[in-house]
Amino acid sequence: MKKLIVTLVLVSLFSNLIANENYQKAINQSVKALFQSKTIPEYVEVANQFERISNIEKGEWLPLYYASFAYIMISFRETENAKKDQYLDQAQKYLDQALAIDPNESELHMLQGFLYPSRINIDPMTRGMTLVSVMNKSLDKALELNPDNPRVYYLRATMTFHTPEVYGGGAAKALPMFQVADEKFRIFKPKTAISPNWGKEMNDSELKSVLELVKK
């Protein structure tokens, strides 16, 4: 009887190990495809891949995070505002599901903050006053949960850079923020090989542009 129990435990552990390896492999392949995507159909396809993974791994927030991220990226490429909102609705759906799994994950609150600027850009005059405040609340929460999350610093620097100087933005105001983000990216280590690890190249590019403007 003891041998049977030991055998069953070993089989269970082995099965879980194989399942975890398959999950890691599937996520890793889809993440590579995500960051190689350039067109809306490519982003939709990779978002569907993440949704299929999430339907199997129901307790994991990462597939839903990446599916949401894909639809946010689509919104940047879509030119029609009505379609942008539809894509962002889809992104929000996935993000809400992820937050239900882990409401204390910094990356999820950061992604929520990343989603709001796309909403604002559709109608800045109408949406700016209300969405900027909730965006900042999301980013504050992300930093509370992880003060070293570099993507939060990058997003705040970007928003400051693209805000008119009369409203407290501009290159000079954003420069030190990009520099802090740069420091955070240099020391950042993702929790796992499939954890969020994007933004450094974006920050490098923006920092270079800001430095050139400030020097003029």
N, C-alpha and C. Protein backbone atom coordinates (compact mmCIF):
# COMPACT_ATOMS: atom_id res chain seq x y z
N MET A 1 0.83 -1.22 0.00
CA MET A 1 0.00 0.00 0.00
C MET A 1 0.86 1.26 0.00
N LYS A 2 1.95 1.24 0.85
CA LYS A 2 2.83 2.39 0.90
C LYS A 2 3.50 2.63 -0.45
N LYS A 3 3.90 1.53 -1.11
CA LYS A 3 4.54 1.65 -2.42
C LYS A 3 3.59 2.26 -3.44
N LEU A 4 2.30 1.88 -3.34
CA LEU A 4 1.29 2.42 -4.26
C LEU A 4 1.11 3.92 -4.04
N ILE A 5 1.08 4.32 -2.77
CA ILE A 5 0.91 5.74 -2.45
C ILE A 5 2.10 6.54 -2.97
N VAL A 6 3.31 6.01 -2.72
CA VAL A 6 4.52 6.68 -3.19
C VAL A 6 4.51 6.80 -4.70
N THR A 7 4.10 5.72 -5.37
CA THR A 7 4.03 5.74 -6.84
C THR A 7 3.05 6.78 -7.35
N LEU A 8 1.89 6.85 -6.71
CA LEU A 8 0.88 7.83 -7.13
C LEU A 8 1.37 9.26 -6.90
N VAL A 9 2.06 9.49 -5.80
CA VAL A 9 2.60 10.82 -5.52
C VAL A 9 3.64 11.20 -6.58
N LEU A 10 4.52 10.24 -6.90
CA LEU A 10 5.56 10.51 -7.91
C LEU A 10 4.94 10.79 -9.28
N VAL A 11 3.91 10.02 -9.62
CA VAL A 11 3.22 10.24 -10.90
C VAL A 11 2.58 11.61 -10.94
N SER A 12 1.96 12.00 -9.81
CA SER A 12 1.32 13.31 -9.74
C SER A 12 2.34 14.43 -9.88
N LEU A 13 3.47 14.30 -9.17
CA LEU A 13 4.52 15.31 -9.24
C LEU A 13 5.08 15.41 -10.65
N PHE A 14 5.29 14.25 -11.27
CA PHE A 14 5.83 14.24 -12.64
C PHE A 14 4.86 14.88 -13.62
N SER A 15 3.57 14.58 -13.44
CA SER A 15 2.54 15.15 -14.33
C SER A 15 2.48 16.67 -14.18
N ASN A 16 2.58 17.14 -12.93
CA ASN A 16 2.57 18.58 -12.68
C ASN A 16 3.79 19.25 -13.28
N LEU A 17 4.94 18.57 -13.20
CA LEU A 17 6.16 19.11 -13.77
C LEU A 17 6.04 19.25 -15.28
N ILE A 18 5.51 18.22 -15.92
CA ILE A 18 5.33 18.26 -17.38
C ILE A 18 4.36 19.37 -17.76
N ALA A 19 3.26 19.48 -17.00
CA ALA A 19 2.26 20.52 -17.28
C ALA A 19 2.88 21.90 -17.15
N ASN A 20 3.71 22.09 -16.11
CA ASN A 20 4.36 23.39 -15.91
C ASN A 20 5.33 23.70 -17.03
N GLU A 21 6.07 22.69 -17.47
CA GLU A 21 7.01 22.89 -18.58
C GLU A 21 6.27 23.26 -19.85
N ASN A 22 5.14 22.61 -20.11
CA ASN A 22 4.34 22.91 -21.29
C ASN A 22 3.78 24.33 -21.23
N TYR A 23 3.35 24.72 -20.02
CA TYR A 23 2.82 26.08 -19.82
C TYR A 23 3.92 27.11 -20.09
N GLN A 24 5.08 26.88 -19.51
CA GLN A 24 6.20 27.81 -19.69
C GLN A 24 6.58 27.92 -21.17
N LYS A 25 6.62 26.79 -21.84
CA LYS A 25 6.97 26.78 -23.26
C LYS A 25 5.94 27.52 -24.10
N ALA A 26 4.66 27.29 -23.83
CA ALA A 26 3.59 27.93 -24.59
C ALA A 26 3.62 29.44 -24.39
N ILE A 27 3.79 29.88 -23.14
CA ILE A 27 3.85 31.32 -22.84
C ILE A 27 5.07 31.93 -23.52
N ASN A 28 6.20 31.29 -23.40
CA ASN A 28 7.44 31.82 -23.95
C ASN A 28 7.33 32.02 -25.46
N GLN A 29 6.78 31.04 -26.15
CA GLN A 29 6.62 31.14 -27.61
C GLN A 29 5.66 32.27 -27.97
N SER A 30 4.59 32.40 -27.21
CA SER A 30 3.60 33.45 -27.50
C SER A 30 4.14 34.84 -27.18
N VAL A 31 4.95 34.95 -26.14
CA VAL A 31 5.56 36.24 -25.80
C VAL A 31 6.50 36.68 -26.93
N LYS A 32 7.27 35.75 -27.46
CA LYS A 32 8.15 36.08 -28.59
C LYS A 32 7.34 36.56 -29.78
N ALA A 33 6.24 35.88 -30.06
CA ALA A 33 5.37 36.29 -31.16
C ALA A 33 4.75 37.66 -30.91
N LEU A 34 4.40 37.92 -29.64
CA LEU A 34 3.79 39.20 -29.28
C LEU A 34 4.71 40.37 -29.62
N PHE A 35 5.97 40.25 -29.22
CA PHE A 35 6.90 41.36 -29.42
C PHE A 35 7.53 41.40 -30.82
N GLN A 36 7.15 40.42 -31.64
CA GLN A 36 7.52 40.46 -33.05
C GLN A 36 6.37 40.96 -33.92
N SER A 37 5.18 41.08 -33.31
CA SER A 37 3.99 41.50 -34.06
C SER A 37 4.10 42.95 -34.49
N LYS A 38 3.55 43.23 -35.68
CA LYS A 38 3.56 44.59 -36.22
C LYS A 38 2.19 45.03 -36.72
N THR A 39 1.36 44.09 -37.11
CA THR A 39 0.05 44.42 -37.68
C THR A 39 -1.06 44.03 -36.70
N ILE A 40 -2.23 44.61 -36.92
CA ILE A 40 -3.38 44.30 -36.07
C ILE A 40 -3.74 42.81 -36.11
N PRO A 41 -3.81 42.20 -37.31
CA PRO A 41 -4.12 40.76 -37.34
C PRO A 41 -3.11 39.91 -36.56
N GLU A 42 -1.84 40.30 -36.61
CA GLU A 42 -0.83 39.54 -35.86
C GLU A 42 -1.06 39.67 -34.35
N TYR A 43 -1.39 40.86 -33.90
CA TYR A 43 -1.67 41.05 -32.48
C TYR A 43 -2.93 40.29 -32.05
N VAL A 44 -3.95 40.29 -32.90
CA VAL A 44 -5.17 39.56 -32.57
C VAL A 44 -4.89 38.07 -32.44
N GLU A 45 -4.09 37.55 -33.36
CA GLU A 45 -3.76 36.12 -33.33
C GLU A 45 -3.00 35.75 -32.06
N VAL A 46 -2.04 36.57 -31.70
CA VAL A 46 -1.26 36.24 -30.50
C VAL A 46 -2.10 36.42 -29.24
N ALA A 47 -3.02 37.39 -29.23
CA ALA A 47 -3.94 37.55 -28.09
C ALA A 47 -4.82 36.31 -27.96
N ASN A 48 -5.24 35.76 -29.09
CA ASN A 48 -6.04 34.53 -29.06
C ASN A 48 -5.25 33.36 -28.50
N GLN A 49 -3.95 33.33 -28.82
CA GLN A 49 -3.09 32.28 -28.27
C GLN A 49 -3.05 32.37 -26.75
N PHE A 50 -2.90 33.59 -26.24
CA PHE A 50 -2.86 33.77 -24.79
C PHE A 50 -4.20 33.41 -24.15
N GLU A 51 -5.29 33.73 -24.84
CA GLU A 51 -6.60 33.38 -24.29
C GLU A 51 -6.75 31.86 -24.20
N ARG A 52 -6.27 31.15 -25.21
CA ARG A 52 -6.35 29.68 -25.18
C ARG A 52 -5.53 29.12 -24.01
N ILE A 53 -4.37 29.72 -23.78
CA ILE A 53 -3.55 29.28 -22.64
C ILE A 53 -4.28 29.56 -21.33
N SER A 54 -4.89 30.72 -21.22
CA SER A 54 -5.58 31.08 -19.98
C SER A 54 -6.79 30.18 -19.73
N ASN A 55 -7.40 29.68 -20.78
CA ASN A 55 -8.53 28.77 -20.61
C ASN A 55 -8.09 27.43 -20.03
N ILE A 56 -6.82 27.09 -20.21
CA ILE A 56 -6.27 25.86 -19.64
C ILE A 56 -5.69 26.13 -18.25
N GLU A 57 -4.92 27.22 -18.15
CA GLU A 57 -4.29 27.59 -16.88
C GLU A 57 -5.12 28.69 -16.21
N LYS A 58 -6.23 28.30 -15.65
CA LYS A 58 -7.22 29.26 -15.15
C LYS A 58 -6.75 30.05 -13.93
N GLY A 59 -5.74 29.54 -13.25
CA GLY A 59 -5.26 30.24 -12.07
C GLY A 59 -4.06 31.14 -12.33
N GLU A 60 -3.68 31.30 -13.58
CA GLU A 60 -2.52 32.10 -13.94
C GLU A 60 -2.95 33.45 -14.52
N TRP A 61 -2.35 34.53 -14.03
CA TRP A 61 -2.71 35.87 -14.52
C TRP A 61 -1.90 36.29 -15.75
N LEU A 62 -0.72 35.68 -15.94
CA LEU A 62 0.16 36.11 -17.02
C LEU A 62 -0.44 36.01 -18.42
N PRO A 63 -1.11 34.91 -18.79
CA PRO A 63 -1.70 34.85 -20.14
C PRO A 63 -2.70 35.98 -20.38
N LEU A 64 -3.48 36.30 -19.35
CA LEU A 64 -4.47 37.37 -19.48
C LEU A 64 -3.78 38.73 -19.56
N TYR A 65 -2.70 38.89 -18.82
CA TYR A 65 -1.90 40.12 -18.88
C TYR A 65 -1.42 40.35 -20.31
N TYR A 66 -0.84 39.34 -20.91
CA TYR A 66 -0.28 39.50 -22.25
C TYR A 66 -1.38 39.67 -23.31
N ALA A 67 -2.51 39.02 -23.11
CA ALA A 67 -3.63 39.21 -24.04
C ALA A 67 -4.11 40.65 -23.98
N SER A 68 -4.21 41.19 -22.77
CA SER A 68 -4.60 42.59 -22.60
C SER A 68 -3.57 43.52 -23.23
N PHE A 69 -2.30 43.24 -23.00
CA PHE A 69 -1.22 44.05 -23.56
C PHE A 69 -1.32 44.09 -25.09
N ALA A 70 -1.62 42.94 -25.69
CA ALA A 70 -1.73 42.86 -27.15
C ALA A 70 -2.82 43.80 -27.68
N TYR A 71 -3.96 43.83 -26.99
CA TYR A 71 -5.05 44.70 -27.44
C TYR A 71 -4.76 46.17 -27.19
N ILE A 72 -3.99 46.48 -26.17
CA ILE A 72 -3.57 47.87 -25.98
C ILE A 72 -2.66 48.30 -27.13
N MET A 73 -1.77 47.41 -27.54
CA MET A 73 -0.88 47.72 -28.65
C MET A 73 -1.67 47.89 -29.95
N ILE A 74 -2.73 47.11 -30.11
CA ILE A 74 -3.60 47.26 -31.28
C ILE A 74 -4.21 48.67 -31.31
N SER A 75 -4.60 49.17 -30.14
CA SER A 75 -5.24 50.49 -30.08
C SER A 75 -4.31 51.59 -30.58
N PHE A 76 -3.00 51.39 -30.42
CA PHE A 76 -2.04 52.38 -30.90
C PHE A 76 -1.96 52.40 -32.43
N ARG A 77 -2.33 51.28 -33.05
CA ARG A 77 -2.22 51.15 -34.50
C ARG A 77 -3.53 51.43 -35.22
N GLU A 78 -4.63 51.30 -34.51
CA GLU A 78 -5.95 51.56 -35.10
C GLU A 78 -6.17 53.06 -35.28
N THR A 79 -6.74 53.45 -36.41
CA THR A 79 -6.96 54.87 -36.70
C THR A 79 -8.39 55.32 -36.38
N GLU A 80 -9.34 54.40 -36.35
CA GLU A 80 -10.72 54.76 -36.07
C GLU A 80 -10.99 54.71 -34.57
N ASN A 81 -11.47 55.82 -34.02
CA ASN A 81 -11.68 55.92 -32.58
C ASN A 81 -12.68 54.90 -32.04
N ALA A 82 -13.73 54.64 -32.80
CA ALA A 82 -14.74 53.69 -32.34
C ALA A 82 -14.13 52.29 -32.20
N LYS A 83 -13.28 51.94 -33.15
CA LYS A 83 -12.61 50.63 -33.08
C LYS A 83 -11.59 50.60 -31.96
N LYS A 84 -10.92 51.75 -31.74
CA LYS A 84 -9.95 51.82 -30.64
C LYS A 84 -10.63 51.48 -29.32
N ASP A 85 -11.80 52.08 -29.09
CA ASP A 85 -12.52 51.81 -27.86
C ASP A 85 -12.91 50.34 -27.74
N GLN A 86 -13.28 49.73 -28.86
CA GLN A 86 -13.65 48.32 -28.84
C GLN A 86 -12.46 47.45 -28.46
N TYR A 87 -11.30 47.77 -29.03
CA TYR A 87 -10.09 47.02 -28.70
C TYR A 87 -9.71 47.21 -27.24
N LEU A 88 -9.86 48.42 -26.75
CA LEU A 88 -9.53 48.69 -25.36
C LEU A 88 -10.54 48.04 -24.41
N ASP A 89 -11.78 47.92 -24.84
CA ASP A 89 -12.77 47.18 -24.05
C ASP A 89 -12.33 45.72 -23.89
N GLN A 90 -11.80 45.16 -24.98
CA GLN A 90 -11.32 43.78 -24.93
C GLN A 90 -10.10 43.67 -24.00
N ALA A 91 -9.21 44.65 -24.10
CA ALA A 91 -8.04 44.67 -23.23
C ALA A 91 -8.46 44.76 -21.76
N GLN A 92 -9.47 45.58 -21.49
CA GLN A 92 -9.95 45.75 -20.11
C GLN A 92 -10.58 44.46 -19.60
N LYS A 93 -11.26 43.75 -20.46
CA LYS A 93 -11.89 42.49 -20.06
C LYS A 93 -10.84 41.50 -19.57
N TYR A 94 -9.78 41.35 -20.35
CA TYR A 94 -8.71 40.44 -19.96
C TYR A 94 -8.03 40.92 -18.67
N LEU A 95 -7.83 42.22 -18.57
CA LEU A 95 -7.16 42.78 -17.40
C LEU A 95 -7.99 42.59 -16.14
N ASP A 96 -9.29 42.78 -16.25
CA ASP A 96 -10.18 42.56 -15.11
C ASP A 96 -10.11 41.10 -14.63
N GLN A 97 -10.05 40.18 -15.58
CA GLN A 97 -9.95 38.77 -15.24
C GLN A 97 -8.64 38.47 -14.53
N ALA A 98 -7.56 39.09 -15.01
CA ALA A 98 -6.25 38.89 -14.39
C ALA A 98 -6.22 39.46 -12.97
N LEU A 99 -6.80 40.64 -12.79
CA LEU A 99 -6.83 41.26 -11.46
C LEU A 99 -7.68 40.45 -10.48
N ALA A 100 -8.68 39.75 -11.00
CA ALA A 100 -9.49 38.89 -10.13
C ALA A 100 -8.65 37.72 -9.62
N ILE A 101 -7.66 37.30 -10.41
CA ILE A 101 -6.78 36.20 -10.00
C ILE A 101 -5.75 36.69 -8.99
N ASP A 102 -5.15 37.84 -9.26
CA ASP A 102 -4.12 38.39 -8.36
C ASP A 102 -4.25 39.91 -8.28
N PRO A 103 -5.06 40.40 -7.36
CA PRO A 103 -5.27 41.85 -7.24
C PRO A 103 -4.07 42.60 -6.67
N ASN A 104 -3.06 41.87 -6.20
CA ASN A 104 -1.89 42.51 -5.60
C ASN A 104 -0.64 42.37 -6.46
N GLU A 105 -0.84 42.23 -7.76
CA GLU A 105 0.29 42.14 -8.67
C GLU A 105 0.58 43.52 -9.27
N SER A 106 1.76 44.04 -9.01
CA SER A 106 2.16 45.37 -9.48
C SER A 106 2.03 45.52 -11.00
N GLU A 107 2.41 44.48 -11.73
CA GLU A 107 2.40 44.58 -13.19
C GLU A 107 0.98 44.77 -13.74
N LEU A 108 0.01 44.23 -13.07
CA LEU A 108 -1.37 44.38 -13.53
C LEU A 108 -1.87 45.80 -13.33
N HIS A 109 -1.52 46.40 -12.20
CA HIS A 109 -1.92 47.79 -11.97
C HIS A 109 -1.15 48.74 -12.89
N MET A 110 0.10 48.38 -13.19
CA MET A 110 0.86 49.16 -14.15
C MET A 110 0.19 49.09 -15.52
N LEU A 111 -0.25 47.89 -15.93
CA LEU A 111 -0.90 47.73 -17.23
C LEU A 111 -2.20 48.51 -17.29
N GLN A 112 -2.90 48.57 -16.17
CA GLN A 112 -4.12 49.39 -16.13
C GLN A 112 -3.78 50.84 -16.39
N GLY A 113 -2.68 51.32 -15.78
CA GLY A 113 -2.23 52.68 -16.04
C GLY A 113 -1.79 52.88 -17.47
N PHE A 114 -1.28 51.83 -18.09
CA PHE A 114 -0.85 51.88 -19.48
C PHE A 114 -2.04 51.93 -20.44
N LEU A 115 -3.16 51.37 -19.99
CA LEU A 115 -4.36 51.34 -20.84
C LEU A 115 -5.04 52.71 -20.90
N TYR A 116 -5.05 53.44 -19.81
CA TYR A 116 -5.80 54.70 -19.76
C TYR A 116 -5.34 55.75 -20.78
N PRO A 117 -4.04 55.95 -21.03
CA PRO A 117 -3.65 56.95 -22.03
C PRO A 117 -4.26 56.72 -23.40
N SER A 118 -4.45 55.46 -23.77
CA SER A 118 -5.09 55.16 -25.05
C SER A 118 -6.54 55.64 -25.05
N ARG A 119 -7.21 55.46 -23.93
CA ARG A 119 -8.58 55.97 -23.80
C ARG A 119 -8.59 57.50 -23.90
N ILE A 120 -7.64 58.12 -23.22
CA ILE A 120 -7.58 59.58 -23.19
C ILE A 120 -7.33 60.15 -24.57
N ASN A 121 -6.43 59.52 -25.33
CA ASN A 121 -6.07 60.03 -26.65
C ASN A 121 -7.23 60.03 -27.64
N ILE A 122 -8.22 59.21 -27.38
CA ILE A 122 -9.39 59.19 -28.26
C ILE A 122 -10.17 60.50 -28.17
N ASP A 123 -10.25 61.05 -26.97
CA ASP A 123 -10.97 62.31 -26.76
C ASP A 123 -10.37 63.02 -25.55
N PRO A 124 -9.20 63.65 -25.72
CA PRO A 124 -8.48 64.25 -24.59
C PRO A 124 -9.29 65.28 -23.81
N MET A 125 -10.04 66.12 -24.50
CA MET A 125 -10.78 67.18 -23.84
C MET A 125 -11.86 66.64 -22.91
N THR A 126 -12.51 65.58 -23.34
CA THR A 126 -13.61 65.00 -22.56
C THR A 126 -13.12 64.03 -21.49
N ARG A 127 -12.14 63.24 -21.86
CA ARG A 127 -11.73 62.14 -20.98
C ARG A 127 -10.54 62.48 -20.08
N GLY A 128 -9.78 63.47 -20.47
CA GLY A 128 -8.55 63.77 -19.74
C GLY A 128 -8.75 64.01 -18.27
N MET A 129 -9.70 64.85 -17.90
CA MET A 129 -9.89 65.26 -16.51
C MET A 129 -10.20 64.07 -15.60
N THR A 130 -11.00 63.13 -16.10
CA THR A 130 -11.41 62.01 -15.26
C THR A 130 -10.41 60.85 -15.30
N LEU A 131 -9.87 60.55 -16.49
CA LEU A 131 -9.03 59.37 -16.62
C LEU A 131 -7.60 59.58 -16.14
N VAL A 132 -7.11 60.80 -16.17
CA VAL A 132 -5.75 61.03 -15.67
C VAL A 132 -5.67 60.70 -14.18
N SER A 133 -6.69 61.06 -13.43
CA SER A 133 -6.68 60.80 -11.99
C SER A 133 -6.73 59.30 -11.68
N VAL A 134 -7.56 58.55 -12.42
CA VAL A 134 -7.63 57.11 -12.16
C VAL A 134 -6.37 56.41 -12.67
N MET A 135 -5.79 56.94 -13.73
CA MET A 135 -4.52 56.40 -14.22
C MET A 135 -3.45 56.53 -13.14
N ASN A 136 -3.37 57.70 -12.53
CA ASN A 136 -2.37 57.92 -11.48
C ASN A 136 -2.62 57.04 -10.26
N LYS A 137 -3.86 56.77 -9.96
CA LYS A 137 -4.17 55.87 -8.85
C LYS A 137 -3.66 54.45 -9.16
N SER A 138 -3.82 54.02 -10.40
CA SER A 138 -3.33 52.70 -10.79
C SER A 138 -1.81 52.63 -10.69
N LEU A 139 -1.14 53.68 -11.14
CA LEU A 139 0.31 53.70 -11.09
C LEU A 139 0.82 53.81 -9.66
N ASP A 140 0.11 54.57 -8.83
CA ASP A 140 0.46 54.65 -7.40
C ASP A 140 0.37 53.27 -6.75
N LYS A 141 -0.67 52.54 -7.10
CA LYS A 141 -0.86 51.19 -6.55
C LYS A 141 0.25 50.27 -7.04
N ALA A 142 0.61 50.39 -8.31
CA ALA A 142 1.69 49.56 -8.86
C ALA A 142 3.00 49.80 -8.12
N LEU A 143 3.29 51.07 -7.82
CA LEU A 143 4.52 51.40 -7.10
C LEU A 143 4.45 50.98 -5.63
N GLU A 144 3.27 51.05 -5.05
CA GLU A 144 3.10 50.60 -3.67
C GLU A 144 3.43 49.12 -3.57
N LEU A 145 3.02 48.35 -4.57
CA LEU A 145 3.25 46.91 -4.57
C LEU A 145 4.67 46.55 -4.98
N ASN A 146 5.28 47.40 -5.81
CA ASN A 146 6.67 47.18 -6.22
C ASN A 146 7.31 48.52 -6.57
N PRO A 147 8.00 49.15 -5.63
CA PRO A 147 8.60 50.47 -5.85
C PRO A 147 9.68 50.47 -6.94
N ASP A 148 10.14 49.28 -7.35
CA ASP A 148 11.19 49.20 -8.36
C ASP A 148 10.67 48.80 -9.74
N ASN A 149 9.37 48.86 -9.93
CA ASN A 149 8.80 48.50 -11.24
C ASN A 149 9.17 49.58 -12.25
N PRO A 150 10.08 49.32 -13.18
CA PRO A 150 10.57 50.37 -14.09
C PRO A 150 9.53 50.86 -15.07
N ARG A 151 8.54 50.02 -15.40
CA ARG A 151 7.54 50.41 -16.38
C ARG A 151 6.65 51.55 -15.86
N VAL A 152 6.48 51.62 -14.57
CA VAL A 152 5.70 52.71 -13.98
C VAL A 152 6.42 54.04 -14.19
N TYR A 153 7.71 54.05 -13.93
CA TYR A 153 8.51 55.27 -14.10
C TYR A 153 8.57 55.67 -15.57
N TYR A 154 8.67 54.68 -16.44
CA TYR A 154 8.70 54.96 -17.88
C TYR A 154 7.39 55.60 -18.33
N LEU A 155 6.28 55.05 -17.89
CA LEU A 155 4.98 55.57 -18.33
C LEU A 155 4.77 56.99 -17.82
N ARG A 156 5.11 57.25 -16.58
CA ARG A 156 4.94 58.61 -16.04
C ARG A 156 5.85 59.60 -16.77
N ALA A 157 7.05 59.18 -17.11
CA ALA A 157 7.96 60.05 -17.86
C ALA A 157 7.40 60.35 -19.24
N THR A 158 6.86 59.35 -19.89
CA THR A 158 6.28 59.52 -21.22
C THR A 158 5.08 60.46 -21.19
N MET A 159 4.21 60.27 -20.21
CA MET A 159 3.04 61.13 -20.09
C MET A 159 3.46 62.58 -19.85
N THR A 160 4.49 62.78 -19.04
CA THR A 160 4.99 64.13 -18.76
C THR A 160 5.60 64.76 -20.01
N PHE A 161 6.36 63.96 -20.74
CA PHE A 161 7.00 64.43 -21.96
C PHE A 161 5.97 64.94 -22.97
N HIS A 162 4.87 64.22 -23.10
CA HIS A 162 3.87 64.55 -24.11
C HIS A 162 2.78 65.48 -23.58
N THR A 163 2.93 65.94 -22.36
CA THR A 163 2.02 66.94 -21.82
C THR A 163 2.59 68.34 -22.09
N PRO A 164 1.78 69.28 -22.58
CA PRO A 164 2.28 70.64 -22.85
C PRO A 164 2.93 71.26 -21.62
N GLU A 165 3.94 72.07 -21.85
CA GLU A 165 4.66 72.72 -20.74
C GLU A 165 3.74 73.55 -19.87
N VAL A 166 2.74 74.19 -20.47
CA VAL A 166 1.83 75.03 -19.71
C VAL A 166 1.06 74.23 -18.67
N TYR A 167 0.96 72.90 -18.89
CA TYR A 167 0.26 72.03 -17.94
C TYR A 167 1.25 71.22 -17.09
N GLY A 168 2.51 71.64 -17.08
CA GLY A 168 3.49 70.99 -16.23
C GLY A 168 4.27 69.88 -16.88
N GLY A 169 4.21 69.80 -18.21
CA GLY A 169 4.93 68.75 -18.92
C GLY A 169 6.12 69.29 -19.69
N GLY A 170 6.50 68.55 -20.73
CA GLY A 170 7.60 68.98 -21.57
C GLY A 170 8.87 68.19 -21.34
N ALA A 171 9.85 68.38 -22.23
CA ALA A 171 11.08 67.60 -22.21
C ALA A 171 11.90 67.82 -20.94
N ALA A 172 12.07 69.08 -20.54
CA ALA A 172 12.90 69.38 -19.37
C ALA A 172 12.34 68.74 -18.10
N LYS A 173 11.03 68.76 -17.96
CA LYS A 173 10.39 68.17 -16.78
C LYS A 173 10.47 66.63 -16.83
N ALA A 174 10.41 66.09 -18.04
CA ALA A 174 10.40 64.64 -18.18
C ALA A 174 11.78 64.02 -18.09
N LEU A 175 12.83 64.78 -18.40
CA LEU A 175 14.18 64.23 -18.46
C LEU A 175 14.59 63.47 -17.19
N PRO A 176 14.51 64.09 -16.01
CA PRO A 176 14.91 63.34 -14.81
C PRO A 176 14.05 62.11 -14.56
N MET A 177 12.82 62.14 -15.03
CA MET A 177 11.94 60.99 -14.85
C MET A 177 12.38 59.84 -15.74
N PHE A 178 12.78 60.15 -16.98
CA PHE A 178 13.31 59.12 -17.87
C PHE A 178 14.62 58.56 -17.32
N GLN A 179 15.40 59.42 -16.70
CA GLN A 179 16.68 58.97 -16.13
C GLN A 179 16.46 58.02 -14.95
N VAL A 180 15.47 58.31 -14.13
CA VAL A 180 15.13 57.40 -13.03
C VAL A 180 14.64 56.07 -13.60
N ALA A 181 13.79 56.14 -14.63
CA ALA A 181 13.31 54.92 -15.27
C ALA A 181 14.47 54.11 -15.82
N ASP A 182 15.45 54.80 -16.41
CA ASP A 182 16.63 54.13 -16.94
C ASP A 182 17.38 53.38 -15.83
N GLU A 183 17.53 54.02 -14.69
CA GLU A 183 18.20 53.38 -13.55
C GLU A 183 17.42 52.14 -13.08
N LYS A 184 16.11 52.28 -13.05
CA LYS A 184 15.28 51.15 -12.61
C LYS A 184 15.36 49.99 -13.60
N PHE A 185 15.37 50.29 -14.90
CA PHE A 185 15.48 49.23 -15.89
C PHE A 185 16.82 48.50 -15.79
N ARG A 186 17.87 49.22 -15.46
CA ARG A 186 19.20 48.62 -15.39
C ARG A 186 19.32 47.61 -14.26
N ILE A 187 18.59 47.81 -13.20
CA ILE A 187 18.70 46.90 -12.06
C ILE A 187 17.54 45.90 -12.00
N PHE A 188 16.54 46.07 -12.87
CA PHE A 188 15.35 45.24 -12.80
C PHE A 188 15.65 43.79 -13.21
N LYS A 189 15.11 42.87 -12.44
CA LYS A 189 15.21 41.46 -12.76
C LYS A 189 13.81 40.85 -12.69
N PRO A 190 13.29 40.35 -13.81
CA PRO A 190 11.95 39.75 -13.78
C PRO A 190 11.92 38.53 -12.86
N LYS A 191 10.75 38.27 -12.31
CA LYS A 191 10.60 37.16 -11.37
C LYS A 191 10.90 35.83 -12.03
N THR A 192 10.45 35.67 -13.27
CA THR A 192 10.69 34.43 -14.02
C THR A 192 11.03 34.80 -15.45
N ALA A 193 11.38 33.80 -16.23
CA ALA A 193 11.74 34.02 -17.63
C ALA A 193 10.55 34.51 -18.46
N ILE A 194 9.33 34.28 -17.98
CA ILE A 194 8.14 34.68 -18.74
C ILE A 194 7.43 35.87 -18.11
N SER A 195 7.99 36.42 -17.04
CA SER A 195 7.39 37.60 -16.42
C SER A 195 7.58 38.84 -17.28
N PRO A 196 6.74 39.87 -17.12
CA PRO A 196 6.89 41.10 -17.91
C PRO A 196 8.30 41.68 -17.80
N ASN A 197 8.88 41.98 -18.96
CA ASN A 197 10.25 42.49 -18.99
C ASN A 197 10.44 43.43 -20.17
N TRP A 198 9.40 44.19 -20.50
CA TRP A 198 9.44 45.07 -21.65
C TRP A 198 9.58 46.53 -21.19
N GLY A 199 9.92 47.39 -22.13
CA GLY A 199 9.94 48.83 -21.85
C GLY A 199 11.30 49.49 -21.91
N LYS A 200 12.38 48.73 -21.72
CA LYS A 200 13.70 49.36 -21.68
C LYS A 200 14.06 50.02 -23.01
N GLU A 201 13.81 49.32 -24.12
CA GLU A 201 14.12 49.90 -25.43
C GLU A 201 13.28 51.15 -25.69
N MET A 202 12.03 51.13 -25.27
CA MET A 202 11.16 52.29 -25.42
C MET A 202 11.71 53.46 -24.62
N ASN A 203 12.11 53.17 -23.38
CA ASN A 203 12.64 54.23 -22.52
C ASN A 203 13.95 54.78 -23.09
N ASP A 204 14.80 53.90 -23.61
CA ASP A 204 16.07 54.34 -24.21
C ASP A 204 15.81 55.30 -25.36
N SER A 205 14.84 54.98 -26.20
CA SER A 205 14.52 55.81 -27.36
C SER A 205 13.97 57.17 -26.94
N GLU A 206 13.05 57.15 -25.98
CA GLU A 206 12.45 58.40 -25.51
C GLU A 206 13.50 59.26 -24.80
N LEU A 207 14.35 58.62 -24.01
CA LEU A 207 15.38 59.35 -23.27
C LEU A 207 16.33 60.04 -24.25
N LYS A 208 16.69 59.36 -25.31
CA LYS A 208 17.56 59.95 -26.33
C LYS A 208 16.92 61.18 -26.96
N SER A 209 15.63 61.07 -27.29
CA SER A 209 14.91 62.19 -27.91
C SER A 209 14.83 63.38 -26.95
N VAL A 210 14.56 63.09 -25.68
CA VAL A 210 14.43 64.15 -24.69
C VAL A 210 15.77 64.85 -24.47
N LEU A 211 16.84 64.10 -24.40
CA LEU A 211 18.17 64.69 -24.23
C LEU A 211 18.52 65.64 -25.37
N GLU A 212 18.15 65.23 -26.58
CA GLU A 212 18.44 66.08 -27.75
C GLU A 212 17.64 67.38 -27.69
N LEU A 213 16.39 67.28 -27.23
CA LEU A 213 15.55 68.49 -27.14
C LEU A 213 16.05 69.42 -26.04
N VAL A 214 16.46 68.89 -24.92
CA VAL A 214 16.91 69.70 -23.81
C VAL A 214 18.22 70.41 -24.14
N LYS A 215 19.06 69.77 -24.95
CA LYS A 215 20.34 70.37 -25.32
C LYS A 215 20.21 71.55 -26.28
N LYS A 216 19.08 71.61 -26.99
CA LYS A 216 18.89 72.68 -27.99
C LYS A 216 18.73 74.04 -27.31
